Amino acid sequence: MTDKIYQIKKGARVTKAEAFQEADAVELRLLVALMESEEGKDLATLAREASLSEEETERALSFWRGAGAIKATSSKKNAKKPKTEEAAPKEKKSPVLPDEKMPTYSIGEMADKVKQEKLASFLSACEQVHGKVLNETDISILLWMHEELSLECDYILMLLAYCEEGGRKPLRYTQKVAASLFEQDITTTADLTAYIERKNKAASREGNLRKMFGIGERKLSAKEEDCFMRWCVEYNYGDDIIGLAYDITVNATGKASVAYADKIIQGWNAAGCKTVADAEKHHAESRPQKPLSSKKGAPSKEAQEETKAMQSFDADDFFAHALERSYTASEDKKN
């Protein structure tokens, strides 16, 4: 068996309803190793590259041959032919987003794409980050990100690692995140690095902001997440100035409101406020001043005059007049 070369059959397709669904980890690992070369590999090479024993490799080869996915040829007939022309550059095309019909790849097509782009080591690295053997759907998603979105391998690996933080997630989740970032024009490794740094910075402040606005443990809404990101990252505001916006919000509305506080904070940013003192000054200057008026309950003009007169009245004169009236009344009675 050692003089045989094994390779993927052209046009071979193994669907979930067939052998691919039944393949175990050893058989899937062997399939990934086979995808690296169009000319195929011998038993020893496959065993070494797939980190399998020769017995495991023979069993896996038998499985895929029985499924019609690979073929064996004589090593003499499979001599490597020199390349006579360079491959044509890949044509740029509009991406197919996840909510549209996803492209499907046959086993042979996957093998061709992996070989042409030299993606075998990339898939192996993705497998390590993902923490499990990649299946047909996983490989299709990774090829979709690389081909349809034109994302570099380093970008995809970084995004995969970021999405896997806090627990393993299906690659469908990473696919949706990739599509969202693509629409935001975050398509280079540098862009992604900056995006992750911003997200991590906002996440480190999230606990304090949740407590401040009484949000608790529920998932943030898209609006709340956007506000927190803007306050903490774009405006670079600390908890002190955000806390001032919170106090103004509660005083004005009687309750905590991220949306209301956001309007206040956006106004401060637009006015160039950098500190709490700046924000307090801007808030005081922007509050409307209430003019004096004769609204219901205000003292009338006559009352004001009377009050003024009372305030200026001499106490000695008051008692003198009172005594005079008392004395006069007493004399009248006698007469």
Protein backbone atom coordinates (compact mmCIF):
# COMPACT_ATOMS: atom_id res chain seq x y z
CA MET A 1 0.00 0.00 0.00
CA THR A 2 2.97 2.32 0.53
CA ASP A 3 3.50 2.71 -3.28
CA LYS A 4 0.05 4.27 -3.69
CA ILE A 5 -0.74 7.96 -3.95
CA TYR A 6 -4.09 9.09 -2.54
CA GLN A 7 -5.95 12.17 -3.71
CA ILE A 8 -9.41 13.74 -3.74
CA LYS A 9 -11.58 12.81 -6.69
CA LYS A 10 -12.56 15.68 -8.96
CA GLY A 11 -16.19 16.67 -8.44
CA ALA A 12 -16.65 14.35 -5.46
CA ARG A 13 -19.39 15.51 -3.08
CA VAL A 14 -20.10 14.07 0.32
CA THR A 15 -23.24 15.58 1.82
CA LYS A 16 -24.33 15.67 5.45
CA ALA A 17 -26.86 12.96 4.71
CA GLU A 18 -24.09 10.62 3.55
CA ALA A 19 -20.66 9.61 4.72
CA PHE A 20 -19.47 13.02 5.86
CA GLN A 21 -22.04 13.05 8.64
CA GLU A 22 -20.78 9.67 9.84
CA ALA A 23 -17.05 10.50 9.67
CA ASP A 24 -15.17 10.53 12.97
CA ALA A 25 -12.36 12.88 14.03
CA VAL A 26 -9.60 10.69 12.52
CA GLU A 27 -11.35 10.46 9.16
CA LEU A 28 -12.00 14.22 9.05
CA ARG A 29 -8.40 15.02 9.99
CA LEU A 30 -7.17 12.83 7.14
CA LEU A 31 -9.49 14.60 4.69
CA VAL A 32 -8.06 18.01 5.62
CA ALA A 33 -4.53 16.68 5.05
CA LEU A 34 -5.56 15.38 1.61
CA MET A 35 -6.83 18.81 0.57
CA GLU A 36 -3.34 20.31 0.59
CA SER A 37 -2.09 18.80 -2.66
CA GLU A 38 -3.71 18.18 -6.03
CA GLU A 39 -1.12 15.51 -6.87
CA GLY A 40 -1.97 13.58 -3.72
CA LYS A 41 0.14 12.05 -0.95
CA ASP A 42 1.38 8.65 0.07
CA LEU A 43 0.44 6.83 3.25
CA ALA A 44 3.48 7.88 5.28
CA THR A 45 3.11 11.56 4.36
CA LEU A 46 -0.58 11.55 5.20
CA ALA A 47 0.04 9.88 8.54
CA ARG A 48 2.74 12.41 9.44
CA GLU A 49 0.82 15.52 8.37
CA ALA A 50 -2.43 14.40 9.97
CA SER A 51 -0.64 13.31 13.18
CA LEU A 52 -2.07 9.80 12.86
CA SER A 53 -0.61 6.33 13.03
CA GLU A 54 -0.37 4.38 9.76
CA GLU A 55 -3.09 2.02 10.99
CA GLU A 56 -5.44 4.96 11.64
CA THR A 57 -4.52 6.44 8.27
CA GLU A 58 -5.29 3.18 6.44
CA ARG A 59 -8.64 2.92 8.18
CA ALA A 60 -9.53 6.53 7.31
CA LEU A 61 -8.43 6.02 3.68
CA SER A 62 -10.63 2.95 3.46
CA PHE A 63 -13.60 4.97 4.76
CA TRP A 64 -13.21 7.76 2.21
CA ARG A 65 -12.53 5.39 -0.67
CA GLY A 66 -15.72 3.54 0.22
CA ALA A 67 -17.55 6.90 0.21
CA GLY A 68 -16.23 7.62 -3.27
CA ALA A 69 -14.40 10.77 -2.16
CA ILE A 70 -10.79 9.74 -2.91
CA LYS A 71 -8.87 7.58 -5.31
CA ALA A 72 -5.56 5.72 -5.24
CA THR A 73 -3.07 5.72 -8.12
CA SER A 74 0.40 4.33 -8.69
CA SER A 75 3.17 6.63 -7.52
CA LYS A 76 4.95 6.20 -10.91
CA LYS A 77 1.94 7.58 -12.81
CA ASN A 78 1.63 10.51 -10.49
CA ALA A 79 4.98 12.18 -11.06
CA LYS A 80 4.83 15.92 -10.50
CA LYS A 81 4.63 17.89 -13.72
CA PRO A 82 6.46 21.20 -14.04
CA LYS A 83 4.28 24.29 -14.14
CA THR A 84 4.23 25.90 -17.59
CA GLU A 85 2.11 28.94 -16.84
CA GLU A 86 1.16 31.05 -13.87
CA ALA A 87 -2.34 30.92 -12.48
CA ALA A 88 -4.58 33.77 -13.55
CA PRO A 89 -5.24 36.36 -10.84
CA LYS A 90 -8.46 35.85 -8.88
CA GLU A 91 -11.25 38.03 -10.21
CA LYS A 92 -12.75 40.45 -7.69
CA LYS A 93 -16.46 39.88 -7.17
CA SER A 94 -19.26 41.17 -5.01
CA PRO A 95 -19.58 39.21 -1.75
CA VAL A 96 -22.44 36.83 -1.08
CA LEU A 97 -23.67 37.76 2.38
CA PRO A 98 -25.02 35.17 4.85
CA ASP A 99 -28.65 36.12 4.35
CA GLU A 100 -28.32 35.27 0.68
CA LYS A 101 -27.82 31.79 -0.82
CA MET A 102 -24.48 30.53 0.40
CA PRO A 103 -22.14 28.98 -2.16
CA THR A 104 -21.72 25.21 -1.77
CA TYR A 105 -18.50 23.37 -2.46
CA SER A 106 -17.95 19.77 -3.40
CA ILE A 107 -15.12 17.86 -1.77
CA GLY A 108 -13.13 18.24 -4.99
CA GLU A 109 -13.81 21.98 -5.15
CA MET A 110 -12.74 22.36 -1.55
CA ALA A 111 -9.55 20.47 -2.28
CA ASP A 112 -8.82 22.66 -5.32
CA LYS A 113 -9.38 25.89 -3.41
CA VAL A 114 -7.28 24.73 -0.46
CA LYS A 115 -4.45 23.71 -2.80
CA GLN A 116 -4.57 26.84 -4.98
CA GLU A 117 -4.56 29.19 -2.01
CA LYS A 118 -2.24 27.00 0.10
CA LEU A 119 -4.79 27.00 2.90
CA ALA A 120 -4.04 23.67 4.56
CA SER A 121 -1.97 25.23 7.35
CA PHE A 122 -4.59 27.96 7.72
CA LEU A 123 -7.39 25.40 8.20
CA SER A 124 -5.25 23.54 10.70
CA ALA A 125 -4.71 26.77 12.66
CA CYS A 126 -8.46 27.48 12.56
CA GLU A 127 -9.08 24.00 13.91
CA GLN A 128 -6.73 24.68 16.83
CA VAL A 129 -8.41 28.02 17.64
CA HIS A 130 -11.90 26.56 17.25
CA GLY A 131 -10.99 23.63 19.48
CA LYS A 132 -12.61 20.94 17.33
CA VAL A 133 -12.24 19.20 14.00
CA LEU A 134 -13.72 21.27 11.17
CA ASN A 135 -16.63 19.76 9.31
CA GLU A 136 -17.82 20.44 5.76
CA THR A 137 -19.96 23.42 6.78
CA ASP A 138 -17.12 24.93 8.83
CA ILE A 139 -14.70 24.71 5.91
CA SER A 140 -17.30 26.24 3.58
CA ILE A 141 -17.74 29.19 5.94
CA LEU A 142 -13.99 29.78 6.18
CA LEU A 143 -13.64 29.61 2.40
CA TRP A 144 -16.58 32.02 2.09
CA MET A 145 -14.87 34.56 4.36
CA HIS A 146 -11.60 34.21 2.47
CA GLU A 147 -13.06 34.27 -1.05
CA GLU A 148 -16.34 36.20 -0.91
CA LEU A 149 -15.19 38.87 1.58
CA SER A 150 -11.51 38.78 0.45
CA LEU A 151 -10.36 38.58 4.07
CA GLU A 152 -6.77 37.58 4.77
CA CYS A 153 -6.04 34.41 6.73
CA ASP A 154 -4.54 36.39 9.65
CA TYR A 155 -7.72 38.49 9.83
CA ILE A 156 -9.96 35.40 9.93
CA LEU A 157 -7.84 33.74 12.62
CA MET A 158 -7.90 36.91 14.74
CA LEU A 159 -11.67 37.24 14.32
CA LEU A 160 -12.19 33.56 15.13
CA ALA A 161 -10.13 33.89 18.32
CA TYR A 162 -12.05 37.03 19.31
CA CYS A 163 -15.43 35.36 18.75
CA GLU A 164 -14.32 32.28 20.71
CA GLU A 165 -13.53 34.33 23.84
CA GLY A 166 -15.72 33.35 26.75
CA GLY A 167 -16.68 29.98 25.25
CA ARG A 168 -16.75 28.06 21.99
CA LYS A 169 -19.23 29.39 19.45
CA PRO A 170 -20.37 27.92 16.12
CA LEU A 171 -18.66 29.27 13.02
CA ARG A 172 -22.06 30.57 11.88
CA TYR A 173 -21.66 33.20 14.63
CA THR A 174 -18.22 34.21 13.35
CA GLN A 175 -19.66 34.36 9.83
CA LYS A 176 -22.34 36.86 10.91
CA VAL A 177 -19.77 39.01 12.72
CA ALA A 178 -17.52 38.97 9.63
CA ALA A 179 -20.42 40.11 7.42
CA SER A 180 -21.27 42.91 9.85
CA LEU A 181 -17.66 44.12 9.97
CA PHE A 182 -17.45 43.95 6.17
CA GLU A 183 -20.45 46.27 5.91
CA GLN A 184 -18.69 48.67 8.33
CA ASP A 185 -15.61 48.60 6.06
CA ILE A 186 -13.52 46.88 8.74
CA THR A 187 -11.65 44.58 6.35
CA THR A 188 -7.95 44.72 7.23
CA THR A 189 -6.07 43.21 10.15
CA ALA A 190 -5.20 46.73 11.38
CA ASP A 191 -8.87 47.74 11.25
CA LEU A 192 -9.89 44.61 13.14
CA THR A 193 -7.19 45.15 15.78
CA ALA A 194 -8.43 48.69 16.42
CA TYR A 195 -12.05 47.49 16.53
CA ILE A 196 -11.27 44.77 19.09
CA GLU A 197 -9.34 47.26 21.24
CA ARG A 198 -12.32 49.62 21.22
CA LYS A 199 -14.72 46.81 22.09
CA ASN A 200 -12.50 45.59 24.92
CA LYS A 201 -12.17 49.10 26.33
CA ALA A 202 -15.93 49.57 26.33
CA ALA A 203 -16.41 46.10 27.85
CA SER A 204 -14.08 46.96 30.74
CA ARG A 205 -16.36 49.90 31.63
CA GLU A 206 -19.63 48.11 31.00
CA GLY A 207 -20.06 46.84 34.56
CA ASN A 208 -19.94 50.34 36.07
CA LEU A 209 -22.34 51.75 33.48
CA ARG A 210 -24.76 48.86 33.96
CA LYS A 211 -24.79 49.53 37.71
CA MET A 212 -25.17 53.28 37.19
CA PHE A 213 -28.21 52.94 34.90
CA GLY A 214 -29.68 49.96 36.77
CA ILE A 215 -29.53 47.65 33.76
CA GLY A 216 -28.62 44.50 35.69
CA GLU A 217 -27.56 41.29 33.99
CA ARG A 218 -29.76 41.41 30.91
CA LYS A 219 -28.20 41.67 27.46
CA LEU A 220 -27.58 45.24 26.33
CA SER A 221 -29.74 46.48 23.49
CA ALA A 222 -27.98 47.52 20.29
CA LYS A 223 -28.72 51.18 21.16
CA GLU A 224 -27.28 50.86 24.67
CA GLU A 225 -24.17 49.08 23.39
CA ASP A 226 -23.68 51.79 20.76
CA CYS A 227 -24.04 54.54 23.39
CA PHE A 228 -21.58 52.95 25.80
CA MET A 229 -19.07 52.44 22.99
CA ARG A 230 -19.38 56.07 21.89
CA TRP A 231 -19.12 57.53 25.39
CA CYS A 232 -16.16 55.41 26.49
CA VAL A 233 -14.19 55.09 23.26
CA GLU A 234 -15.11 57.81 20.77
CA TYR A 235 -15.59 60.60 23.34
CA ASN A 236 -13.20 59.07 25.91
CA TYR A 237 -15.44 60.22 28.79
CA GLY A 238 -14.90 58.85 32.29
CA ASP A 239 -17.51 57.62 34.75
CA ASP A 240 -17.52 61.04 36.48
CA ILE A 241 -18.82 63.01 33.49
CA ILE A 242 -21.20 60.20 32.50
CA GLY A 243 -22.42 60.18 36.13
CA LEU A 244 -23.20 63.90 35.82
CA ALA A 245 -25.32 63.18 32.74
CA TYR A 246 -27.06 60.44 34.71
CA ASP A 247 -27.89 62.85 37.58
CA ILE A 248 -29.27 65.46 35.17
CA THR A 249 -31.34 62.76 33.45
CA VAL A 250 -32.90 61.50 36.69
CA ASN A 251 -33.59 65.02 37.93
CA ALA A 252 -35.29 65.91 34.65
CA THR A 253 -37.23 62.69 33.98
CA GLY A 254 -37.46 60.93 37.33
CA LYS A 255 -35.80 57.78 35.99
CA ALA A 256 -32.57 56.46 34.46
CA SER A 257 -32.53 56.63 30.66
CA VAL A 258 -29.52 55.79 28.47
CA ALA A 259 -31.18 57.48 25.46
CA TYR A 260 -31.82 60.74 27.38
CA ALA A 261 -28.31 60.77 28.84
CA ASP A 262 -26.92 60.15 25.36
CA LYS A 263 -28.50 63.37 24.06
CA ILE A 264 -26.89 65.30 26.93
CA ILE A 265 -23.49 63.69 26.37
CA GLN A 266 -23.61 64.23 22.61
CA GLY A 267 -24.29 67.92 23.29
CA TRP A 268 -21.29 68.14 25.59
CA ASN A 269 -19.05 66.48 23.05
CA ALA A 270 -20.27 68.79 20.29
CA ALA A 271 -19.54 71.78 22.55
CA GLY A 272 -15.99 70.53 23.20
CA CYS A 273 -16.52 69.64 26.87
CA LYS A 274 -13.68 67.48 28.17
CA THR A 275 -14.11 67.59 31.96
CA VAL A 276 -16.90 67.60 34.52
CA ALA A 277 -16.28 71.32 35.08
CA ASP A 278 -16.74 71.97 31.34
CA ALA A 279 -19.97 69.97 31.32
CA GLU A 280 -21.35 71.71 34.43
CA LYS A 281 -20.60 75.14 32.97
CA HIS A 282 -22.20 74.23 29.64
CA HIS A 283 -25.27 72.82 31.39
CA ALA A 284 -25.70 75.96 33.53
CA GLU A 285 -25.31 78.29 30.55
CA SER A 286 -27.69 76.30 28.38
CA ARG A 287 -30.54 76.27 30.93
CA PRO A 288 -33.26 78.85 30.07
CA GLN A 289 -33.51 81.75 32.54
CA LYS A 290 -37.07 82.36 33.83
CA PRO A 291 -38.07 86.06 33.70
CA LEU A 292 -39.99 87.66 36.59
CA SER A 293 -43.73 87.62 35.90
CA SER A 294 -47.08 88.45 37.50
CA LYS A 295 -48.32 84.85 37.36
CA LYS A 296 -51.01 83.60 39.72
CA GLY A 297 -49.72 83.77 43.27
CA ALA A 298 -47.35 86.67 42.64
CA PRO A 299 -47.95 89.76 44.82
CA SER A 300 -49.96 92.59 43.23
CA LYS A 301 -48.57 96.09 42.75
CA GLU A 302 -50.61 97.41 45.70
CA ALA A 303 -49.40 94.62 47.95
CA GLN A 304 -45.84 95.31 46.94
CA GLU A 305 -46.32 99.01 47.81
CA GLU A 306 -47.88 98.11 51.15
CA THR A 307 -45.06 95.75 51.98
CA LYS A 308 -42.57 98.45 51.07
CA ALA A 309 -44.32 100.93 53.29
CA MET A 310 -44.45 98.49 56.19
CA GLN A 311 -40.79 97.73 55.84
CA SER A 312 -39.93 101.46 56.00
CA PHE A 313 -42.37 102.30 58.89
CA ASP A 314 -40.68 103.55 62.09
CA ALA A 315 -41.60 101.45 65.14
CA ASP A 316 -41.40 104.44 67.52
CA ASP A 317 -43.93 106.35 65.43
CA PHE A 318 -46.26 103.35 65.54
CA PHE A 319 -46.27 103.22 69.35
CA ALA A 320 -46.59 107.01 69.62
CA HIS A 321 -49.67 107.09 67.45
CA ALA A 322 -51.15 104.13 69.32
CA LEU A 323 -50.71 105.87 72.68
CA GLU A 324 -52.15 109.08 71.33
CA ARG A 325 -55.30 107.30 70.08
CA SER A 326 -55.69 105.53 73.44
CA TYR A 327 -55.30 108.74 75.43
CA THR A 328 -57.76 110.66 73.23
CA ALA A 329 -60.37 107.91 73.56
CA SER A 330 -60.01 107.98 77.37
CA GLU A 331 -60.56 111.77 77.57
CA ASP A 332 -63.68 111.57 75.43
CA LYS A 333 -65.25 109.09 77.85
CA LYS A 334 -64.66 111.42 80.81
CA ASN A 335 -66.38 114.26 79.12
